[in-house]
Amino acid sequence: MQTQAFRGPLEKVNDYCWRIPKSYKAGMRVDGMIFASEQLMKSIRNDPAAEQVANVAFLPGIQGASLAMPDIHWGYGFPIGGVCATDPRDGGVISPGGVGYDINCGVRLVRTNLHRLDVLPHLDQLIEQLFENVPTGVGRGGRFTFNPDQLQSLMDSGPAGLIGRGLATERDIAFTEAHGRLHGARPDLVSERALLRGRDQCGSLGAGNHFLEVQVVDQIFDRQAAEIIGLREDLVCVMIHSGSRGLGYQVCDDALRKLRDAPKQYGIDLPDRQLVCAPIESPLGREYLGSMRAAANYAWCNRQLLMWQAREVFETVLGRPWQALDMQLVYDVAHNIAKPEEHEIGGETKQLWVHRKGATRAFPPHHPELPDEYSEIGQPVLIPGDMGRASWVLVGQPNAMRNTFGSACHGAGRVLSRHAAVRQSKGRRIDEELREQGVVAKARSWKGLAEEQPDAYKDVDLVVEVVHQAGLAKKVARMKPMGVIKG
C-alpha cells in the first residue's frame, strides 16, 4: 500500500462530502468528490488514493464527477471505492483499472429461519464442515469441473445455466443483480490461459479478503424493509464474498497488456499509465467489454456454487433440507464491474458506462431493475465488515441516483497493508483473539488471518454512517460474525 499523503485541495461541501476542484490539475475534466466524514478524512488525507480520484477525472467522456466512497484506499489506477461514468457519445472510454483485477468480485447474503441459539451448539462443527467442504486458498480448485464447452456456456449464460444441473433455482437468479448475466459476453475472446485457470475454480472461495461467514442479525434499523427482506433480530445468515478467481484476474491482465498502447493510438493523455483505456466503441474497447462480461458471468456462477455448497453443509450439520431451513438468497451484488446504465445528467437521460471499482450498486425504490419484492424499499446494499465487528444490509436511496450514479460503498476499506497487518500480528494468535470475541475462524494459514485481522480495516459502522447520512443508502440491519472461513 502506498504511503504518500495527498497534498492537493480538499474543499468541504458538507459534513459527508469533499471536493477536489478540477482546477487542481490541468487536464481534469470534472471535479473529484469524496464521500466521507471528518473522522474518516483523517486517514484519507494520508492516503494517495485521493490523488487517484483526481487522475480518474482525466478520462475522456467522464460525466458528473470522479467519485469515491468512504471506504476509499489505494488501488490499481482507480482507487478502491472509486466510481466513474463515461458517455460513449462523448468519446467515453472503458478502463480495466476501473473494474479491477478481480472482475465482479461481489457479495451475496443468504438468510435462514434459524435463531442464534439453534446454531450455537453446532457452530464449531458447522465452521469445520464449511472449511472442509468449501475450497479456500490461493489457486485451490473444487469439486465442480466444466469441460471447455460447458465453461463457455456458463460465461455466456451465468448461473441460469446451472439450473439444469440442479445447482440453482429460478428464485436464486431473480435475486441476483442483473439476473447474474451481462448480455454481450464474448467467451471466445477469453484467452486459453484464463480458461485454464478457471476450469476448476468455479465454486471456490480463493484467498485475501474473500470469505464465507455465518452471521447473526444483532440490530434492526428499518423494520419495514427488514420484514420485506426477511430479517429479524437473532436470525442467522450466511454472507459470501468472492469473485471471478484466476479467470477474471487473467482477463484483466490480458486486457492491460493489449491496451498498453491504446491511449497513444487514440490521442488520450493520462497522468497515470495504470489508467490505460480505450474508447467504448473502439475494437479494443469492445474486445475488453466482451471478455470482461464473460468473467463477470463466471463470477456469478462462482458465488452461486459457493452458496449451494453452504446449503449442503447446513443440511448435513443441522439434519434438515436447506428448503426447510429457508436458506433463501436475499440478494447478490457486484462491486468490481462496469455496466451500461441510464442516468440523468443536466436534465437529460443518458446511457452511460458506470465503472464501480470497490463500490456497490444502490438503486432506489421503484427502479425497473429491482425484483418486485424490493420495489417499495430499494435495492439491498450488502456491506461486509471485518471478522471481528459487523456487516450491514442497507437499501438504495434516490440521492444515490442524483449524486453517485446509483452507488454506495462496498466494505470497510483497508487502513493497513497486508504486510503491515502481518507485521503487527507478530507473536499473536488472531484465531484465539477472535474466539474470545465469540467468533470461530478457520483459514489455510496464520498469515491469512493476520492479513485480514480487524485492525487492518476501518470501522465499518463509521463507513456505513456516511452513506446513510449522505442519503445514498439507508440502514436496515447489522449482522455480527459468528464464524468465518477464509483462504
Protein backbone atom coordinates (compact mmCIF):
# COMPACT_ATOMS: atom_id res chain seq x y z
CA MET A 1 0.00 0.00 0.00
CA GLN A 2 1.31 3.47 -0.87
CA THR A 3 2.10 5.87 1.99
CA GLN A 4 2.47 9.31 0.39
CA ALA A 5 -0.14 11.74 1.71
CA PHE A 6 -2.44 13.69 -0.61
CA ARG A 7 -1.23 17.30 -0.94
CA GLY A 8 -4.00 18.70 -3.10
CA PRO A 9 -7.05 20.74 -2.09
CA LEU A 10 -9.99 19.11 -0.32
CA GLU A 11 -12.92 21.50 -0.05
CA LYS A 12 -15.70 20.63 2.37
CA VAL A 13 -19.07 20.52 0.57
CA ASN A 14 -21.00 19.33 3.61
CA ASP A 15 -20.45 17.07 6.62
CA TYR A 16 -20.27 13.99 4.38
CA CYS A 17 -18.79 15.19 1.08
CA TRP A 18 -15.47 16.78 -0.02
CA ARG A 19 -14.41 18.24 -3.36
CA ILE A 20 -11.15 18.15 -5.28
CA PRO A 21 -11.74 21.03 -7.72
CA LYS A 22 -10.90 20.36 -11.36
CA SER A 23 -8.60 23.38 -11.22
CA TYR A 24 -6.24 21.24 -9.09
CA LYS A 25 -4.62 19.71 -12.19
CA ALA A 26 -4.61 20.87 -15.79
CA GLY A 27 -6.38 18.10 -17.68
CA MET A 28 -9.06 17.28 -15.10
CA ARG A 29 -12.38 17.33 -16.96
CA VAL A 30 -14.57 17.23 -13.83
CA ASP A 31 -14.24 17.68 -10.08
CA GLY A 32 -13.37 14.86 -7.75
CA MET A 33 -15.89 14.12 -4.99
CA ILE A 34 -15.13 12.03 -1.91
CA PHE A 35 -17.94 10.95 0.41
CA ALA A 36 -16.54 10.81 3.95
CA SER A 37 -16.94 12.18 7.45
CA GLU A 38 -14.39 14.43 9.14
CA GLN A 39 -13.29 11.45 11.20
CA LEU A 40 -12.64 9.27 8.13
CA MET A 41 -10.96 12.15 6.29
CA LYS A 42 -8.08 11.96 8.78
CA SER A 43 -6.90 8.71 7.21
CA ILE A 44 -7.99 9.62 3.67
CA ARG A 45 -5.79 12.72 3.73
CA ASN A 46 -2.82 10.47 4.43
CA ASP A 47 -3.64 8.07 1.58
CA PRO A 48 -2.62 8.80 -2.03
CA ALA A 49 -5.93 7.31 -3.18
CA ALA A 50 -7.29 10.87 -3.26
CA GLU A 51 -4.69 11.60 -5.97
CA GLN A 52 -6.19 8.72 -7.95
CA VAL A 53 -9.62 10.36 -7.68
CA ALA A 54 -8.13 13.40 -9.40
CA ASN A 55 -6.39 11.25 -12.01
CA VAL A 56 -9.62 9.46 -12.97
CA ALA A 57 -11.10 12.90 -13.76
CA PHE A 58 -8.80 12.99 -16.84
CA LEU A 59 -10.69 10.17 -18.60
CA PRO A 60 -12.38 11.17 -21.88
CA GLY A 61 -16.17 11.28 -21.71
CA ILE A 62 -16.33 11.31 -17.91
CA GLN A 63 -19.64 12.66 -16.61
CA GLY A 64 -20.58 14.50 -13.42
CA ALA A 65 -17.56 13.91 -11.23
CA SER A 66 -14.87 11.39 -10.38
CA LEU A 67 -16.33 9.81 -7.24
CA ALA A 68 -15.03 7.96 -4.21
CA MET A 69 -16.84 6.22 -1.38
CA PRO A 70 -15.87 6.42 2.34
CA ASP A 71 -14.03 3.08 2.17
CA ILE A 72 -11.58 4.58 -0.36
CA HIS A 73 -7.99 3.31 -0.40
CA TRP A 74 -5.17 2.93 -2.91
CA GLY A 75 -5.82 0.65 -5.88
CA TYR A 76 -4.56 -0.08 -9.38
CA GLY A 77 -5.25 3.03 -11.47
CA PHE A 78 -8.59 3.79 -9.88
CA PRO A 79 -8.85 3.98 -6.10
CA ILE A 80 -10.68 1.12 -4.47
CA GLY A 81 -14.00 2.73 -3.66
CA GLY A 82 -13.98 4.65 -6.96
CA VAL A 83 -16.94 5.32 -9.27
CA CYS A 84 -16.79 6.85 -12.74
CA ALA A 85 -19.37 7.11 -15.52
CA THR A 86 -18.41 7.78 -19.15
CA ASP A 87 -20.58 8.65 -22.15
CA PRO A 88 -19.73 6.76 -25.36
CA ARG A 89 -21.37 9.56 -27.39
CA ASP A 90 -18.81 11.95 -25.93
CA GLY A 91 -15.75 9.82 -26.63
CA GLY A 92 -16.23 7.92 -23.40
CA VAL A 93 -13.69 5.24 -22.56
CA ILE A 94 -13.62 1.92 -20.75
CA SER A 95 -10.72 1.36 -18.34
CA PRO A 96 -9.87 -2.06 -16.85
CA GLY A 97 -8.43 -0.23 -13.83
CA GLY A 98 -11.98 1.00 -13.15
CA VAL A 99 -13.18 -2.60 -12.82
CA GLY A 100 -10.19 -4.21 -11.18
CA TYR A 101 -8.33 -7.47 -11.45
CA ASP A 102 -11.00 -9.48 -9.64
CA ILE A 103 -13.77 -8.85 -12.14
CA ASN A 104 -17.21 -8.98 -10.46
CA CYS A 105 -15.89 -9.55 -7.02
CA GLY A 106 -19.09 -9.22 -5.03
CA VAL A 107 -21.22 -10.27 -2.09
CA ARG A 108 -24.32 -12.38 -1.59
CA LEU A 109 -26.39 -12.76 1.54
CA VAL A 110 -28.44 -15.83 2.41
CA ARG A 111 -30.99 -15.73 5.21
CA THR A 112 -32.26 -18.74 7.18
CA ASN A 113 -35.11 -19.34 9.61
CA LEU A 114 -32.63 -20.31 12.33
CA HIS A 115 -32.32 -18.49 15.63
CA ARG A 116 -28.84 -17.85 17.02
CA LEU A 117 -29.49 -20.39 19.80
CA ASP A 118 -30.36 -23.04 17.19
CA VAL A 119 -26.88 -22.72 15.69
CA LEU A 120 -24.62 -22.07 18.70
CA PRO A 121 -24.42 -25.75 19.81
CA HIS A 122 -23.38 -26.71 16.26
CA LEU A 123 -21.20 -23.71 15.42
CA ASP A 124 -17.79 -25.38 15.67
CA GLN A 125 -18.97 -28.35 13.63
CA LEU A 126 -20.61 -26.04 11.10
CA ILE A 127 -17.48 -23.95 10.55
CA GLU A 128 -15.27 -27.04 10.44
CA GLN A 129 -17.52 -28.66 7.84
CA LEU A 130 -17.72 -25.48 5.75
CA PHE A 131 -13.92 -25.26 5.82
CA GLU A 132 -13.67 -28.90 4.81
CA ASN A 133 -16.22 -28.76 2.00
CA VAL A 134 -15.74 -25.30 0.50
CA PRO A 135 -12.41 -24.89 -1.34
CA THR A 136 -10.37 -21.99 0.06
CA GLY A 137 -6.89 -20.65 -0.60
CA VAL A 138 -4.73 -19.41 -3.47
CA GLY A 139 -5.23 -21.42 -6.65
CA ARG A 140 -7.47 -24.00 -4.98
CA GLY A 141 -9.98 -25.70 -7.23
CA GLY A 142 -13.06 -27.57 -6.15
CA ARG A 143 -15.35 -30.42 -6.95
CA PHE A 144 -17.08 -28.68 -9.86
CA THR A 145 -15.32 -29.07 -13.19
CA PHE A 146 -16.55 -27.97 -16.58
CA ASN A 147 -15.34 -29.06 -19.98
CA PRO A 148 -14.48 -26.27 -22.46
CA ASP A 149 -17.97 -26.18 -23.99
CA GLN A 150 -19.67 -26.08 -20.58
CA LEU A 151 -17.33 -23.35 -19.37
CA GLN A 152 -18.03 -21.25 -22.46
CA SER A 153 -21.77 -21.72 -21.87
CA LEU A 154 -21.53 -20.59 -18.23
CA MET A 155 -19.57 -17.49 -19.22
CA ASP A 156 -22.39 -16.62 -21.60
CA SER A 157 -25.45 -17.54 -19.53
CA GLY A 158 -24.27 -17.01 -15.95
CA PRO A 159 -25.85 -19.02 -13.10
CA ALA A 160 -29.08 -19.58 -15.03
CA GLY A 161 -27.03 -22.24 -16.82
CA LEU A 162 -26.72 -24.13 -13.53
CA ILE A 163 -30.47 -24.64 -13.11
CA GLY A 164 -30.46 -27.68 -15.39
CA ARG A 165 -27.71 -29.25 -13.29
CA GLY A 166 -29.77 -28.85 -10.10
CA LEU A 167 -27.36 -26.25 -8.69
CA ALA A 168 -29.56 -23.16 -8.87
CA THR A 169 -33.21 -22.18 -8.68
CA GLU A 170 -35.24 -19.62 -10.59
CA ARG A 171 -35.51 -17.60 -7.37
CA ASP A 172 -31.74 -17.55 -7.00
CA ILE A 173 -31.45 -15.94 -10.42
CA ALA A 174 -34.23 -13.41 -9.79
CA PHE A 175 -32.46 -12.12 -6.65
CA THR A 176 -29.07 -11.68 -8.30
CA GLU A 177 -28.04 -8.29 -9.71
CA ALA A 178 -28.67 -8.25 -13.48
CA HIS A 179 -30.08 -11.78 -13.05
CA GLY A 180 -26.47 -12.93 -12.94
CA ARG A 181 -25.84 -12.20 -16.60
CA LEU A 182 -24.25 -9.37 -18.54
CA HIS A 183 -25.51 -9.68 -22.09
CA GLY A 184 -22.95 -9.39 -24.84
CA ALA A 185 -20.37 -11.65 -23.20
CA ARG A 186 -17.74 -12.98 -25.58
CA PRO A 187 -16.33 -16.19 -24.10
CA ASP A 188 -14.50 -16.74 -27.37
CA LEU A 189 -12.31 -13.73 -26.53
CA VAL A 190 -11.20 -15.20 -23.20
CA SER A 191 -7.64 -16.49 -23.50
CA GLU A 192 -6.63 -20.12 -23.15
CA ARG A 193 -4.59 -19.17 -20.11
CA ALA A 194 -7.66 -17.65 -18.44
CA LEU A 195 -9.77 -20.69 -19.28
CA LEU A 196 -7.11 -22.98 -17.86
CA ARG A 197 -7.06 -21.02 -14.61
CA GLY A 198 -10.85 -21.06 -14.35
CA ARG A 199 -11.64 -24.61 -15.35
CA ASP A 200 -11.91 -25.98 -11.76
CA GLN A 201 -12.20 -22.79 -9.68
CA CYS A 202 -15.93 -22.16 -10.09
CA GLY A 203 -17.31 -22.82 -6.62
CA SER A 204 -14.12 -21.89 -4.74
CA LEU A 205 -13.56 -19.06 -2.31
CA GLY A 206 -9.99 -18.03 -3.03
CA ALA A 207 -7.84 -16.05 -0.60
CA GLY A 208 -7.20 -12.48 0.53
CA ASN A 209 -10.28 -10.70 1.83
CA HIS A 210 -12.69 -13.29 0.44
CA PHE A 211 -14.74 -15.20 2.98
CA LEU A 212 -17.80 -17.23 3.83
CA GLU A 213 -19.24 -16.05 7.13
CA VAL A 214 -22.04 -17.23 9.40
CA GLN A 215 -23.63 -14.14 10.91
CA VAL A 216 -26.43 -13.19 13.27
CA VAL A 217 -28.64 -10.12 12.96
CA ASP A 218 -27.94 -8.06 16.07
CA GLN A 219 -29.83 -4.85 15.31
CA ILE A 220 -32.69 -3.73 13.07
CA PHE A 221 -32.86 -0.08 11.95
CA ASP A 222 -35.73 -0.18 9.43
CA ARG A 223 -38.37 -2.70 10.44
CA GLN A 224 -40.48 -2.39 7.30
CA ALA A 225 -37.54 -3.02 5.00
CA ALA A 226 -36.19 -5.78 7.24
CA GLU A 227 -39.55 -7.55 7.21
CA ILE A 228 -39.73 -7.41 3.42
CA ILE A 229 -36.17 -8.73 3.11
CA GLY A 230 -36.86 -11.40 5.73
CA LEU A 231 -34.54 -10.28 8.53
CA ARG A 232 -35.15 -10.04 12.27
CA GLU A 233 -33.05 -9.90 15.45
CA ASP A 234 -31.08 -13.07 16.27
CA LEU A 235 -31.67 -14.55 12.80
CA VAL A 236 -28.73 -16.47 11.35
CA CYS A 237 -27.49 -15.52 7.88
CA VAL A 238 -24.63 -16.51 5.60
CA MET A 239 -22.56 -13.92 3.73
CA ILE A 240 -20.31 -14.90 0.81
CA HIS A 241 -17.60 -12.66 -0.66
CA SER A 242 -15.74 -13.85 -3.74
CA GLY A 243 -15.26 -13.08 -7.44
CA SER A 244 -14.02 -14.50 -10.73
CA ARG A 245 -10.89 -16.12 -9.29
CA GLY A 246 -7.93 -16.76 -11.60
CA LEU A 247 -10.04 -16.50 -14.74
CA GLY A 248 -11.02 -12.89 -14.06
CA TYR A 249 -7.51 -11.94 -12.98
CA GLN A 250 -6.14 -13.28 -16.26
CA VAL A 251 -8.80 -11.49 -18.32
CA CYS A 252 -7.76 -8.21 -16.70
CA ASP A 253 -4.07 -8.95 -17.12
CA ASP A 254 -4.57 -9.80 -20.81
CA ALA A 255 -6.58 -6.61 -21.36
CA LEU A 256 -3.98 -4.35 -19.72
CA ARG A 257 -1.32 -5.80 -21.99
CA LYS A 258 -3.44 -5.34 -25.13
CA LEU A 259 -4.44 -1.80 -24.16
CA ARG A 260 -0.94 -0.68 -23.23
CA ASP A 261 -0.54 1.49 -26.36
CA ALA A 262 -4.24 2.39 -26.78
CA PRO A 263 -4.03 5.86 -25.16
CA LYS A 264 -1.29 6.90 -27.60
CA GLN A 265 -3.22 5.34 -30.51
CA TYR A 266 -6.36 7.33 -29.67
CA GLY A 267 -4.63 10.54 -28.56
CA ILE A 268 -5.59 10.18 -24.87
CA ASP A 269 -3.35 11.97 -22.37
CA LEU A 270 -3.28 10.27 -18.97
CA PRO A 271 -1.49 11.19 -15.72
CA ASP A 272 -1.04 7.53 -14.76
CA ARG A 273 -0.32 4.65 -17.14
CA GLN A 274 -2.38 2.35 -14.89
CA LEU A 275 -5.45 4.17 -16.25
CA VAL A 276 -4.94 2.64 -19.71
CA CYS A 277 -8.22 2.76 -21.57
CA ALA A 278 -9.84 2.72 -24.99
CA PRO A 279 -12.99 4.31 -26.42
CA ILE A 280 -16.00 2.17 -25.62
CA GLU A 281 -16.98 1.96 -29.28
CA SER A 282 -13.46 1.06 -30.49
CA PRO A 283 -12.44 -2.51 -31.42
CA LEU A 284 -10.13 -2.68 -28.38
CA GLY A 285 -12.84 -1.33 -26.11
CA ARG A 286 -15.43 -3.80 -27.38
CA GLU A 287 -12.98 -6.68 -27.04
CA TYR A 288 -12.31 -5.89 -23.39
CA LEU A 289 -16.02 -5.48 -22.67
CA GLY A 290 -16.80 -8.85 -24.25
CA SER A 291 -14.21 -10.70 -22.17
CA MET A 292 -14.99 -8.70 -19.00
CA ARG A 293 -18.68 -9.62 -19.27
CA ALA A 294 -17.75 -13.29 -19.67
CA ALA A 295 -15.63 -13.12 -16.50
CA ALA A 296 -18.44 -11.32 -14.65
CA ASN A 297 -20.90 -14.07 -15.55
CA TYR A 298 -18.37 -16.65 -14.37
CA ALA A 299 -18.11 -14.82 -11.02
CA TRP A 300 -21.88 -15.00 -10.52
CA CYS A 301 -21.67 -18.76 -11.18
CA ASN A 302 -18.88 -18.98 -8.62
CA ARG A 303 -20.93 -17.33 -5.87
CA GLN A 304 -23.95 -19.44 -6.81
CA LEU A 305 -21.94 -22.64 -6.35
CA LEU A 306 -20.44 -21.37 -3.10
CA MET A 307 -23.95 -20.74 -1.81
CA TRP A 308 -25.06 -24.19 -2.95
CA GLN A 309 -22.21 -25.82 -1.03
CA ALA A 310 -23.10 -23.79 2.07
CA ARG A 311 -26.69 -25.01 1.78
CA GLU A 312 -25.45 -28.61 1.62
CA VAL A 313 -23.29 -28.18 4.74
CA PHE A 314 -26.17 -26.68 6.72
CA GLU A 315 -28.32 -29.63 5.62
CA THR A 316 -25.71 -32.12 6.84
CA VAL A 317 -24.93 -30.47 10.18
CA LEU A 318 -28.49 -29.48 11.11
CA GLY A 319 -30.20 -32.53 9.62
CA ARG A 320 -32.83 -30.76 7.55
CA PRO A 321 -33.09 -29.84 3.85
CA TRP A 322 -32.00 -26.31 3.03
CA GLN A 323 -35.55 -25.55 1.90
CA ALA A 324 -36.81 -26.43 5.40
CA LEU A 325 -34.16 -24.09 6.81
CA ASP A 326 -35.47 -21.40 4.42
CA MET A 327 -31.95 -20.71 3.12
CA GLN A 328 -33.04 -18.19 0.52
CA LEU A 329 -30.88 -15.68 -1.30
CA VAL A 330 -31.55 -12.13 -0.07
CA TYR A 331 -29.53 -10.57 -2.88
CA ASP A 332 -26.23 -10.73 -4.76
CA VAL A 333 -24.39 -7.51 -5.66
CA ALA A 334 -21.24 -6.91 -7.69
CA HIS A 335 -18.67 -4.37 -6.61
CA ASN A 336 -15.97 -4.65 -9.33
CA ILE A 337 -17.76 -4.14 -12.63
CA ALA A 338 -18.63 -1.80 -15.49
CA LYS A 339 -22.16 -1.73 -16.89
CA PRO A 340 -24.33 0.39 -19.19
CA GLU A 341 -27.00 2.20 -17.17
CA GLU A 342 -29.37 5.10 -17.68
CA HIS A 343 -28.67 8.19 -15.59
CA GLU A 344 -29.83 11.80 -15.72
CA ILE A 345 -27.15 14.41 -16.43
CA GLY A 346 -28.15 18.06 -16.66
CA GLY A 347 -31.80 17.15 -17.15
CA GLU A 348 -31.03 14.70 -19.96
CA THR A 349 -31.27 10.91 -19.61
CA LYS A 350 -28.14 9.29 -20.99
CA GLN A 351 -26.88 5.74 -21.29
CA LEU A 352 -23.53 5.77 -19.51
CA TRP A 353 -20.91 3.16 -18.75
CA VAL A 354 -20.62 3.11 -14.97
CA HIS A 355 -17.32 1.81 -13.57
CA ARG A 356 -17.61 0.60 -9.97
CA LYS A 357 -14.26 -0.43 -8.51
CA GLY A 358 -14.87 -1.39 -4.89
CA ALA A 359 -18.33 0.19 -4.94
CA THR A 360 -21.82 -1.32 -4.74
CA ARG A 361 -24.82 -0.54 -6.89
CA ALA A 362 -27.51 1.18 -4.76
CA PHE A 363 -30.65 1.65 -6.84
CA PRO A 364 -33.61 3.37 -5.12
CA PRO A 365 -37.24 2.27 -4.72
CA HIS A 366 -39.21 1.68 -7.92
CA HIS A 367 -36.15 1.30 -10.13
CA PRO A 368 -37.11 -1.00 -13.02
CA GLU A 369 -34.15 -3.35 -12.45
CA LEU A 370 -35.28 -4.33 -8.94
CA PRO A 371 -37.13 -7.56 -8.10
CA ASP A 372 -40.81 -6.81 -7.49
CA GLU A 373 -40.43 -7.77 -3.83
CA TYR A 374 -37.96 -4.91 -3.27
CA SER A 375 -39.61 -2.27 -5.41
CA GLU A 376 -41.05 -0.35 -2.44
CA ILE A 377 -37.87 -0.32 -0.36
CA GLY A 378 -34.99 -0.14 -2.83
CA GLN A 379 -32.17 -2.48 -3.74
CA PRO A 380 -30.43 -4.32 -0.89
CA VAL A 381 -26.91 -2.95 -0.49
CA LEU A 382 -24.63 -5.50 1.18
CA ILE A 383 -21.60 -4.12 3.05
CA PRO A 384 -19.21 -6.65 4.62
CA GLY A 385 -17.06 -5.52 7.50
CA ASP A 386 -14.21 -7.40 9.17
CA MET A 387 -14.12 -10.69 11.05
CA GLY A 388 -14.44 -9.06 14.47
CA ARG A 389 -17.03 -6.33 14.09
CA ALA A 390 -20.07 -6.34 11.81
CA SER A 391 -21.55 -6.36 8.31
CA TRP A 392 -24.54 -4.41 7.07
CA VAL A 393 -27.65 -4.51 4.92
CA LEU A 394 -28.86 -1.17 3.58
CA VAL A 395 -31.26 -0.22 0.77
CA GLY A 396 -30.55 2.21 -2.05
CA GLN A 397 -31.94 5.73 -1.92
CA PRO A 398 -32.79 8.44 -4.51
CA ASN A 399 -29.76 10.54 -3.56
CA ALA A 400 -27.54 7.81 -4.95
CA MET A 401 -29.04 8.31 -8.40
CA ARG A 402 -28.61 12.06 -8.12
CA ASN A 403 -25.07 12.10 -6.74
CA THR A 404 -23.21 8.82 -7.28
CA PHE A 405 -24.68 7.12 -10.37
CA GLY A 406 -26.62 4.79 -8.06
CA SER A 407 -23.62 3.71 -5.98
CA ALA A 408 -22.56 3.25 -2.36
CA CYS A 409 -19.55 1.83 -0.52
CA HIS A 410 -18.56 -1.85 -0.75
CA GLY A 411 -16.94 -2.58 2.62
CA ALA A 412 -14.93 -1.15 5.47
CA GLY A 413 -11.80 -0.30 3.49
CA ARG A 414 -8.24 -1.16 4.46
CA VAL A 415 -6.12 1.06 6.67
CA LEU A 416 -3.16 -1.35 6.92
CA SER A 417 -1.40 -3.01 4.01
CA ARG A 418 -1.25 -6.79 4.20
CA HIS A 419 2.47 -6.58 5.01
CA ALA A 420 1.83 -4.10 7.83
CA ALA A 421 -1.02 -6.24 9.19
CA VAL A 422 1.25 -9.31 9.31
CA ARG A 423 4.00 -7.30 10.99
CA GLN A 424 1.55 -6.02 13.61
CA SER A 425 0.32 -9.57 14.28
CA LYS A 426 3.74 -10.99 15.10
CA GLY A 427 3.53 -13.12 18.23
CA ARG A 428 -0.29 -13.06 18.25
CA ARG A 429 -2.93 -15.71 17.55
CA ILE A 430 -5.69 -13.93 15.64
CA ASP A 431 -7.90 -17.04 15.74
CA GLU A 432 -7.69 -17.15 19.53
CA GLU A 433 -8.38 -13.42 19.83
CA LEU A 434 -11.48 -13.86 17.66
CA ARG A 435 -12.55 -16.89 19.69
CA GLU A 436 -12.51 -14.71 22.81
CA GLN A 437 -14.96 -12.42 21.00
CA GLY A 438 -17.21 -15.40 20.19
CA VAL A 439 -16.10 -15.78 16.57
CA VAL A 440 -14.86 -19.13 15.23
CA ALA A 441 -12.33 -18.51 12.44
CA LYS A 442 -10.66 -21.02 10.12
CA ALA A 443 -8.04 -20.23 7.48
CA ARG A 444 -5.39 -22.06 5.49
CA SER A 445 -2.58 -20.25 7.29
CA TRP A 446 -1.74 -17.99 10.22
CA LYS A 447 -0.68 -15.36 7.69
CA GLY A 448 -4.10 -15.37 6.03
CA LEU A 449 -5.81 -14.45 9.29
CA ALA A 450 -3.10 -11.95 10.19
CA GLU A 451 -3.53 -10.09 6.89
CA GLU A 452 -7.27 -9.84 7.47
CA GLN A 453 -7.33 -9.07 11.20
CA PRO A 454 -9.94 -6.49 12.25
CA ASP A 455 -7.29 -3.81 12.89
CA ALA A 456 -6.42 -3.86 9.17
CA TYR A 457 -9.77 -2.22 8.36
CA LYS A 458 -11.68 0.94 9.06
CA ASP A 459 -14.63 0.64 11.42
CA VAL A 460 -17.42 -0.38 9.04
CA ASP A 461 -20.02 1.35 11.25
CA LEU A 462 -18.34 4.70 10.53
CA VAL A 463 -18.24 3.99 6.80
CA VAL A 464 -21.90 2.96 6.69
CA GLU A 465 -22.90 6.04 8.67
CA VAL A 466 -21.56 8.24 5.85
CA VAL A 467 -23.60 6.61 3.08
CA HIS A 468 -26.65 6.63 5.38
CA GLN A 469 -26.31 10.32 6.29
CA ALA A 470 -25.49 11.27 2.68
CA GLY A 471 -28.74 9.61 1.58
CA LEU A 472 -27.03 7.11 -0.73
CA ALA A 473 -28.33 4.04 1.10
CA LYS A 474 -30.43 3.61 4.24
CA LYS A 475 -29.55 1.36 7.17
CA VAL A 476 -31.71 -1.74 7.53
CA ALA A 477 -29.84 -4.28 9.65
CA ARG A 478 -26.45 -5.01 11.18
CA MET A 479 -25.06 -8.54 11.42
CA LYS A 480 -22.37 -9.75 13.80
CA PRO A 481 -19.99 -12.55 12.83
CA MET A 482 -20.36 -15.95 14.49
CA GLY A 483 -17.90 -17.93 12.40
CA VAL A 484 -15.86 -17.45 9.26
CA ILE A 485 -13.75 -19.40 6.80
CA LYS A 486 -11.00 -17.79 4.73
CA GLY A 487 -8.23 -18.84 2.37
